[in-house]
Amino acid sequence: MLSKKTLITLREYFKEFKPREWLFEGENGGQYADSSIYKIFKTALGAANIKKKVSIHSLRQSFATHLLENGTDLRYIQNLLGHSSSKTTEIYTHITTKGFDQIKNPLDKLDI
């Protein structure tokens, strides 16, 4: 799922760098090595002053958690992530507690 803002940035990037085979190509063209992607990621973490130990996979987990916190149904998140089992997606439900203070007991709506 690509955000509209990211698409605008990617179009600008594409016009400027004119990649031939891969959207993000290495210095001499071709596919980036895993180690290069990891170095770029670590540099970005440093620039953002993020000291927590995270991996590139953390981006995927954060995306899913933010979707959940913004009210996206877990079944949609499961589909977006390509999980065949809802149990795999349910790991994100224990990560977030955002909105817990907004949950009301249905009994409180009764006039008794």
N, C-alpha and C. Protein backbone atom coordinates (compact mmCIF):
# COMPACT_ATOMS: atom_id res chain seq x y z
N MET A 1 0.85 -1.16 0.00
CA MET A 1 0.00 0.00 0.00
C MET A 1 0.90 1.23 0.00
N LEU A 2 0.79 2.01 -1.04
CA LEU A 2 1.68 3.16 -1.22
C LEU A 2 0.91 4.44 -0.95
N SER A 3 1.45 5.29 -0.09
CA SER A 3 0.77 6.55 0.21
C SER A 3 0.89 7.49 -0.98
N LYS A 4 -0.09 8.37 -1.10
CA LYS A 4 -0.09 9.35 -2.19
C LYS A 4 1.12 10.27 -2.08
N LYS A 5 1.51 10.63 -0.85
CA LYS A 5 2.67 11.50 -0.64
C LYS A 5 3.95 10.81 -1.10
N THR A 6 4.06 9.52 -0.79
CA THR A 6 5.25 8.78 -1.21
C THR A 6 5.30 8.66 -2.72
N LEU A 7 4.16 8.46 -3.35
CA LEU A 7 4.10 8.35 -4.82
C LEU A 7 4.61 9.62 -5.48
N ILE A 8 4.26 10.77 -4.94
CA ILE A 8 4.74 12.05 -5.48
C ILE A 8 6.26 12.11 -5.39
N THR A 9 6.80 11.74 -4.24
CA THR A 9 8.25 11.75 -4.04
C THR A 9 8.95 10.76 -4.97
N LEU A 10 8.36 9.57 -5.12
CA LEU A 10 8.95 8.56 -6.00
C LEU A 10 8.96 9.00 -7.46
N ARG A 11 7.92 9.70 -7.88
CA ARG A 11 7.88 10.21 -9.26
C ARG A 11 8.98 11.23 -9.49
N GLU A 12 9.19 12.11 -8.52
CA GLU A 12 10.27 13.09 -8.62
C GLU A 12 11.63 12.38 -8.68
N TYR A 13 11.81 11.41 -7.82
CA TYR A 13 13.05 10.61 -7.80
C TYR A 13 13.27 9.94 -9.15
N PHE A 14 12.21 9.33 -9.70
CA PHE A 14 12.30 8.60 -10.96
C PHE A 14 12.70 9.54 -12.10
N LYS A 15 12.12 10.73 -12.12
CA LYS A 15 12.46 11.71 -13.18
C LYS A 15 13.92 12.13 -13.09
N GLU A 16 14.41 12.30 -11.88
CA GLU A 16 15.79 12.77 -11.70
C GLU A 16 16.82 11.67 -11.96
N PHE A 17 16.60 10.48 -11.43
CA PHE A 17 17.63 9.44 -11.50
C PHE A 17 17.44 8.43 -12.63
N LYS A 18 16.24 8.38 -13.19
CA LYS A 18 15.95 7.49 -14.33
C LYS A 18 16.50 6.07 -14.17
N PRO A 19 16.05 5.37 -13.13
CA PRO A 19 16.54 3.99 -12.93
C PRO A 19 16.16 3.11 -14.12
N ARG A 20 17.04 2.15 -14.43
CA ARG A 20 16.81 1.31 -15.61
C ARG A 20 16.12 0.00 -15.27
N GLU A 21 16.63 -0.70 -14.26
CA GLU A 21 16.09 -2.02 -13.95
C GLU A 21 15.38 -2.05 -12.60
N TRP A 22 16.01 -1.48 -11.59
CA TRP A 22 15.46 -1.46 -10.24
C TRP A 22 15.09 -0.02 -9.90
N LEU A 23 14.05 0.15 -9.10
CA LEU A 23 13.66 1.50 -8.72
C LEU A 23 14.80 2.19 -7.98
N PHE A 24 15.40 1.47 -7.04
CA PHE A 24 16.57 1.98 -6.33
C PHE A 24 17.75 1.13 -6.72
N GLU A 25 18.64 1.71 -7.51
CA GLU A 25 19.78 0.94 -8.02
C GLU A 25 21.05 1.32 -7.26
N GLY A 26 21.96 0.37 -7.22
CA GLY A 26 23.24 0.61 -6.59
C GLY A 26 24.05 1.65 -7.35
N GLU A 27 25.18 1.99 -6.80
CA GLU A 27 26.04 3.02 -7.38
C GLU A 27 26.39 2.74 -8.84
N ASN A 28 26.63 1.48 -9.16
CA ASN A 28 26.98 1.10 -10.53
C ASN A 28 25.81 0.43 -11.24
N GLY A 29 24.60 0.74 -10.81
CA GLY A 29 23.41 0.10 -11.37
C GLY A 29 23.19 -1.23 -10.69
N GLY A 30 22.14 -1.90 -11.06
CA GLY A 30 21.85 -3.21 -10.48
C GLY A 30 21.22 -3.12 -9.11
N GLN A 31 20.93 -4.27 -8.57
CA GLN A 31 20.22 -4.40 -7.30
C GLN A 31 21.12 -4.04 -6.12
N TYR A 32 20.54 -3.36 -5.14
CA TYR A 32 21.26 -3.08 -3.91
C TYR A 32 21.55 -4.38 -3.18
N ALA A 33 22.69 -4.46 -2.55
CA ALA A 33 23.02 -5.60 -1.70
C ALA A 33 22.29 -5.44 -0.38
N ASP A 34 21.97 -6.55 0.26
CA ASP A 34 21.32 -6.51 1.58
C ASP A 34 22.12 -5.66 2.56
N SER A 35 23.42 -5.80 2.51
CA SER A 35 24.27 -5.05 3.45
C SER A 35 24.17 -3.54 3.20
N SER A 36 24.02 -3.14 1.95
CA SER A 36 23.88 -1.71 1.64
C SER A 36 22.57 -1.17 2.17
N ILE A 37 21.50 -1.94 2.03
CA ILE A 37 20.19 -1.53 2.54
C ILE A 37 20.26 -1.39 4.05
N TYR A 38 20.92 -2.33 4.70
CA TYR A 38 21.06 -2.29 6.16
C TYR A 38 21.84 -1.04 6.59
N LYS A 39 22.90 -0.69 5.86
CA LYS A 39 23.69 0.50 6.20
C LYS A 39 22.85 1.77 6.05
N ILE A 40 22.06 1.84 4.98
CA ILE A 40 21.19 3.00 4.76
C ILE A 40 20.18 3.10 5.89
N PHE A 41 19.61 1.96 6.28
CA PHE A 41 18.64 1.91 7.36
C PHE A 41 19.26 2.40 8.67
N LYS A 42 20.44 1.92 8.98
CA LYS A 42 21.13 2.32 10.22
C LYS A 42 21.46 3.81 10.21
N THR A 43 21.84 4.34 9.06
CA THR A 43 22.12 5.77 8.94
C THR A 43 20.86 6.58 9.20
N ALA A 44 19.73 6.12 8.66
CA ALA A 44 18.45 6.80 8.87
C ALA A 44 18.05 6.76 10.34
N LEU A 45 18.29 5.63 10.99
CA LEU A 45 18.00 5.53 12.43
C LEU A 45 18.81 6.55 13.21
N GLY A 46 20.07 6.67 12.86
CA GLY A 46 20.93 7.64 13.54
C GLY A 46 20.46 9.07 13.31
N ALA A 47 20.10 9.38 12.07
CA ALA A 47 19.63 10.72 11.74
C ALA A 47 18.33 11.06 12.48
N ALA A 48 17.51 10.04 12.71
CA ALA A 48 16.25 10.24 13.42
C ALA A 48 16.43 10.12 14.94
N ASN A 49 17.66 9.88 15.37
CA ASN A 49 17.99 9.73 16.79
C ASN A 49 17.20 8.59 17.45
N ILE A 50 17.01 7.51 16.70
CA ILE A 50 16.32 6.33 17.23
C ILE A 50 17.39 5.40 17.80
N LYS A 51 17.32 5.18 19.09
CA LYS A 51 18.33 4.36 19.75
C LYS A 51 17.84 2.94 20.03
N LYS A 52 16.55 2.72 19.92
CA LYS A 52 15.97 1.41 20.15
C LYS A 52 16.51 0.42 19.11
N LYS A 53 16.73 -0.81 19.53
CA LYS A 53 17.23 -1.82 18.61
C LYS A 53 16.07 -2.26 17.70
N VAL A 54 16.18 -1.95 16.42
CA VAL A 54 15.15 -2.30 15.45
C VAL A 54 15.79 -2.90 14.20
N SER A 55 14.96 -3.57 13.43
CA SER A 55 15.42 -4.16 12.17
C SER A 55 14.58 -3.59 11.04
N ILE A 56 14.96 -3.90 9.83
CA ILE A 56 14.17 -3.47 8.68
C ILE A 56 12.77 -4.06 8.76
N HIS A 57 12.65 -5.26 9.28
CA HIS A 57 11.34 -5.88 9.45
C HIS A 57 10.47 -5.08 10.43
N SER A 58 11.10 -4.30 11.31
CA SER A 58 10.36 -3.45 12.24
C SER A 58 9.49 -2.44 11.50
N LEU A 59 9.90 -2.05 10.30
CA LEU A 59 9.10 -1.12 9.50
C LEU A 59 7.76 -1.75 9.16
N ARG A 60 7.78 -3.01 8.79
CA ARG A 60 6.56 -3.75 8.47
C ARG A 60 5.67 -3.87 9.71
N GLN A 61 6.30 -4.19 10.83
CA GLN A 61 5.55 -4.33 12.08
C GLN A 61 4.96 -2.99 12.51
N SER A 62 5.71 -1.92 12.35
CA SER A 62 5.22 -0.59 12.72
C SER A 62 4.05 -0.18 11.84
N PHE A 63 4.15 -0.48 10.54
CA PHE A 63 3.07 -0.17 9.61
C PHE A 63 1.78 -0.86 10.06
N ALA A 64 1.88 -2.14 10.37
CA ALA A 64 0.71 -2.90 10.80
C ALA A 64 0.16 -2.36 12.11
N THR A 65 1.03 -2.02 13.05
CA THR A 65 0.59 -1.48 14.34
C THR A 65 -0.11 -0.15 14.16
N HIS A 66 0.44 0.73 13.31
CA HIS A 66 -0.20 2.03 13.08
C HIS A 66 -1.56 1.87 12.40
N LEU A 67 -1.66 0.93 11.47
CA LEU A 67 -2.96 0.66 10.85
C LEU A 67 -3.97 0.24 11.92
N LEU A 68 -3.55 -0.65 12.79
CA LEU A 68 -4.42 -1.13 13.85
C LEU A 68 -4.83 0.00 14.79
N GLU A 69 -3.87 0.83 15.18
CA GLU A 69 -4.16 1.95 16.07
C GLU A 69 -5.09 2.97 15.44
N ASN A 70 -5.09 3.04 14.11
CA ASN A 70 -5.97 3.97 13.41
C ASN A 70 -7.32 3.35 13.06
N GLY A 71 -7.58 2.17 13.60
CA GLY A 71 -8.89 1.57 13.47
C GLY A 71 -9.09 0.63 12.29
N THR A 72 -8.03 0.28 11.59
CA THR A 72 -8.16 -0.65 10.47
C THR A 72 -8.48 -2.04 11.01
N ASP A 73 -9.46 -2.67 10.42
CA ASP A 73 -9.88 -4.01 10.83
C ASP A 73 -8.72 -4.98 10.66
N LEU A 74 -8.55 -5.85 11.64
CA LEU A 74 -7.45 -6.82 11.64
C LEU A 74 -7.47 -7.70 10.39
N ARG A 75 -8.65 -7.99 9.87
CA ARG A 75 -8.74 -8.83 8.66
C ARG A 75 -8.14 -8.12 7.45
N TYR A 76 -8.29 -6.80 7.36
CA TYR A 76 -7.68 -6.05 6.26
C TYR A 76 -6.16 -6.05 6.40
N ILE A 77 -5.71 -5.86 7.63
CA ILE A 77 -4.26 -5.88 7.88
C ILE A 77 -3.69 -7.24 7.51
N GLN A 78 -4.38 -8.30 7.88
CA GLN A 78 -3.96 -9.66 7.53
C GLN A 78 -3.79 -9.79 6.03
N ASN A 79 -4.74 -9.28 5.27
CA ASN A 79 -4.67 -9.36 3.81
C ASN A 79 -3.53 -8.52 3.26
N LEU A 80 -3.36 -7.31 3.77
CA LEU A 80 -2.28 -6.44 3.31
C LEU A 80 -0.91 -7.05 3.54
N LEU A 81 -0.76 -7.73 4.67
CA LEU A 81 0.54 -8.33 5.00
C LEU A 81 0.74 -9.70 4.35
N GLY A 82 -0.32 -10.24 3.77
CA GLY A 82 -0.21 -11.53 3.11
C GLY A 82 -0.17 -12.70 4.06
N HIS A 83 -0.72 -12.51 5.26
CA HIS A 83 -0.76 -13.61 6.23
C HIS A 83 -1.90 -14.56 5.88
N SER A 84 -1.62 -15.83 5.84
CA SER A 84 -2.68 -16.81 5.56
C SER A 84 -3.49 -17.10 6.82
N SER A 85 -2.89 -16.91 7.97
CA SER A 85 -3.57 -17.18 9.23
C SER A 85 -3.79 -15.89 10.00
N SER A 86 -4.97 -15.72 10.55
CA SER A 86 -5.24 -14.53 11.37
C SER A 86 -4.39 -14.55 12.64
N LYS A 87 -3.98 -15.73 13.07
CA LYS A 87 -3.14 -15.85 14.29
C LYS A 87 -1.82 -15.11 14.11
N THR A 88 -1.28 -15.14 12.90
CA THR A 88 -0.02 -14.44 12.63
C THR A 88 -0.21 -12.94 12.78
N THR A 89 -1.32 -12.43 12.30
CA THR A 89 -1.60 -11.00 12.36
C THR A 89 -1.94 -10.56 13.77
N GLU A 90 -2.51 -11.45 14.55
CA GLU A 90 -2.95 -11.10 15.90
C GLU A 90 -1.80 -10.73 16.84
N ILE A 91 -0.56 -11.02 16.44
CA ILE A 91 0.57 -10.61 17.30
C ILE A 91 0.62 -9.11 17.46
N TYR A 92 0.06 -8.36 16.49
CA TYR A 92 0.08 -6.91 16.58
C TYR A 92 -0.92 -6.39 17.60
N THR A 93 -1.89 -7.19 17.99
CA THR A 93 -2.89 -6.72 18.95
C THR A 93 -2.30 -6.56 20.35
N HIS A 94 -1.24 -7.29 20.67
CA HIS A 94 -0.65 -7.14 22.01
C HIS A 94 0.34 -5.99 22.06
N ILE A 95 0.74 -5.47 20.92
CA ILE A 95 1.74 -4.41 20.87
C ILE A 95 1.15 -3.07 21.26
N THR A 96 -0.09 -2.83 20.86
CA THR A 96 -0.68 -1.51 21.05
C THR A 96 -1.73 -1.49 22.16
N THR A 97 -1.71 -0.42 22.93
CA THR A 97 -2.76 -0.21 23.92
C THR A 97 -3.44 1.13 23.66
N LYS A 98 -3.11 1.75 22.53
CA LYS A 98 -3.72 3.03 22.19
C LYS A 98 -5.23 2.87 22.06
N GLY A 99 -5.95 3.75 22.69
CA GLY A 99 -7.40 3.71 22.61
C GLY A 99 -8.07 2.92 23.72
N PHE A 100 -7.28 2.24 24.55
CA PHE A 100 -7.88 1.46 25.64
C PHE A 100 -8.73 2.35 26.55
N ASP A 101 -8.28 3.57 26.75
CA ASP A 101 -9.02 4.47 27.65
C ASP A 101 -10.35 4.92 27.05
N GLN A 102 -10.55 4.69 25.75
CA GLN A 102 -11.79 5.06 25.08
C GLN A 102 -12.83 3.94 25.08
N ILE A 103 -12.41 2.76 25.48
CA ILE A 103 -13.32 1.62 25.47
C ILE A 103 -14.27 1.72 26.66
N LYS A 104 -15.55 1.59 26.37
CA LYS A 104 -16.57 1.66 27.41
C LYS A 104 -17.27 0.32 27.53
N ASN A 105 -17.59 -0.04 28.74
CA ASN A 105 -18.34 -1.26 28.98
C ASN A 105 -19.77 -1.04 28.48
N PRO A 106 -20.31 -1.97 27.70
CA PRO A 106 -21.67 -1.81 27.19
C PRO A 106 -22.73 -1.65 28.29
N LEU A 107 -22.46 -2.16 29.47
CA LEU A 107 -23.41 -1.99 30.58
C LEU A 107 -23.57 -0.53 30.98
N ASP A 108 -22.51 0.26 30.75
CA ASP A 108 -22.58 1.68 31.11
C ASP A 108 -23.58 2.44 30.24
N LYS A 109 -24.00 1.87 29.12
CA LYS A 109 -24.97 2.52 28.24
C LYS A 109 -26.41 2.24 28.69
N LEU A 110 -26.57 1.28 29.57
CA LEU A 110 -27.92 0.93 30.03
C LEU A 110 -28.38 1.91 31.10
N ASP A 111 -29.64 2.22 31.05
CA ASP A 111 -30.21 3.16 32.01
C ASP A 111 -30.81 2.38 33.17
N ILE A 112 -29.95 1.84 34.03
CA ILE A 112 -30.42 1.03 35.15
C ILE A 112 -29.92 1.57 36.48
